[in-house]
């Protein structure tokens, strides 16, 4: 059976996005997003929000603290982190829920 290229791409792309490739492990940092963010939305430290280099704004991401197993779901509203080795910046509220301040090794995955 011969499938047109577009139909074949429609079958392959969702599988690639839903697989383990959508998870990342690395360092998270706590940051204080206040005022207007790159998405145009204002942020408050009490919100469960985060910055990521390339995930679309509005993406919900599950963050797991690898030291204690705690998880939090955050919404991407900003760009960053811009420090080598870091994969996500989370708001103070999310960092508290995850049980860390400063830096922490985490696993993230799109919800």
Protein backbone atom coordinates (compact mmCIF):
# COMPACT_ATOMS: atom_id res chain seq x y z
CA UNK A 1 0.00 0.00 0.00
CA UNK A 2 1.35 3.42 -0.94
CA UNK A 3 0.50 6.38 1.32
CA UNK A 4 0.92 9.97 0.19
CA UNK A 5 3.78 11.72 2.03
CA UNK A 6 1.44 14.04 3.90
CA UNK A 7 -0.62 11.12 5.24
CA UNK A 8 2.57 9.32 6.29
CA UNK A 9 3.81 12.43 8.13
CA UNK A 10 0.46 12.69 9.92
CA UNK A 11 1.00 9.18 11.27
CA UNK A 12 4.63 9.64 12.31
CA UNK A 13 4.67 13.11 13.88
CA UNK A 14 2.16 12.52 16.74
CA UNK A 15 4.04 9.36 17.74
CA UNK A 16 7.31 11.25 17.88
CA UNK A 17 5.83 14.01 20.04
CA UNK A 18 4.17 11.64 22.49
CA UNK A 19 7.20 9.41 23.06
CA UNK A 20 10.05 9.61 25.53
CA UNK A 21 11.70 12.31 23.43
CA UNK A 22 9.24 14.79 24.96
CA UNK A 23 10.86 14.32 28.40
CA UNK A 24 14.00 16.18 29.46
CA UNK A 25 16.23 15.81 32.50
CA UNK A 26 18.41 18.62 33.74
CA UNK A 27 18.68 21.51 36.15
CA UNK A 28 15.73 23.70 37.11
CA UNK A 29 16.16 27.08 38.69
CA UNK A 30 13.79 29.22 40.68
CA UNK A 31 13.21 32.65 39.20
CA UNK A 32 11.02 35.59 40.01
CA UNK A 33 8.94 36.39 36.98
CA UNK A 34 7.16 39.63 37.73
CA UNK A 35 5.56 42.05 35.34
CA UNK A 36 5.22 41.25 31.67
CA UNK A 37 6.78 38.05 30.29
CA UNK A 38 7.84 37.11 26.76
CA UNK A 39 4.32 35.78 26.12
CA UNK A 40 2.80 39.16 27.00
CA UNK A 41 1.15 37.73 30.09
CA UNK A 42 1.95 39.21 33.48
CA UNK A 43 3.34 36.81 36.04
CA UNK A 44 3.15 36.71 39.80
CA UNK A 45 5.42 34.63 42.06
CA UNK A 46 2.35 32.85 43.47
CA UNK A 47 1.44 31.29 40.09
CA UNK A 48 2.62 27.89 38.85
CA UNK A 49 4.39 29.20 35.76
CA UNK A 50 7.76 28.66 34.10
CA UNK A 51 10.16 29.69 31.37
CA UNK A 52 11.43 27.28 28.72
CA UNK A 53 13.62 27.96 25.69
CA UNK A 54 11.37 26.55 22.96
CA UNK A 55 8.10 25.01 24.21
CA UNK A 56 5.08 26.99 23.00
CA UNK A 57 3.51 29.47 25.40
CA UNK A 58 0.57 27.89 27.21
CA UNK A 59 2.13 24.41 27.25
CA UNK A 60 1.51 22.60 30.52
CA UNK A 61 4.60 20.80 31.81
CA UNK A 62 4.91 18.30 34.65
CA UNK A 63 8.11 18.95 36.61
CA UNK A 64 9.46 16.20 38.91
CA UNK A 65 12.09 16.90 41.55
CA UNK A 66 14.44 13.92 41.21
CA UNK A 67 15.70 14.29 44.79
CA UNK A 68 12.33 13.87 46.52
CA UNK A 69 9.83 12.72 43.86
CA UNK A 70 7.54 15.74 44.28
CA UNK A 71 5.80 17.01 41.14
CA UNK A 72 4.10 20.20 40.01
CA UNK A 73 2.39 21.18 36.78
CA UNK A 74 3.42 24.57 35.43
CA UNK A 75 2.40 26.62 32.40
CA UNK A 76 5.07 28.00 30.07
CA UNK A 77 4.68 31.79 29.83
CA UNK A 78 8.25 33.01 29.38
CA UNK A 79 11.55 32.27 27.61
CA UNK A 80 14.66 31.03 29.35
CA UNK A 81 16.66 29.86 31.16
CA UNK A 82 19.63 31.41 29.47
CA UNK A 83 22.25 29.66 31.60
CA UNK A 84 24.05 26.63 30.14
CA UNK A 85 22.86 23.33 31.61
CA UNK A 86 19.50 24.59 32.87
CA UNK A 87 16.33 23.35 31.18
CA UNK A 88 13.54 25.27 32.96
CA UNK A 89 12.99 28.25 35.27
CA UNK A 90 10.06 27.81 37.65
CA UNK A 91 8.21 30.38 39.74
CA UNK A 92 8.75 30.55 43.51
CA UNK A 93 5.35 28.90 44.14
CA UNK A 94 6.23 25.96 41.89
CA UNK A 95 9.70 25.64 43.46
CA UNK A 96 8.11 25.53 46.94
CA UNK A 97 5.68 22.83 45.81
CA UNK A 98 8.63 20.88 44.40
CA UNK A 99 10.55 21.31 47.65
CA UNK A 100 13.55 23.34 46.49
CA UNK A 101 14.96 26.82 46.28
CA UNK A 102 17.81 27.79 44.00
CA UNK A 103 18.76 24.89 41.71
CA UNK A 104 17.49 21.29 41.49
CA UNK A 105 17.84 18.31 39.15
CA UNK A 106 14.44 17.62 37.58
CA UNK A 107 12.67 15.69 34.85
CA UNK A 108 10.12 17.56 32.78
CA UNK A 109 7.48 16.26 30.41
CA UNK A 110 4.68 17.85 28.43
CA UNK A 111 1.25 17.12 29.90
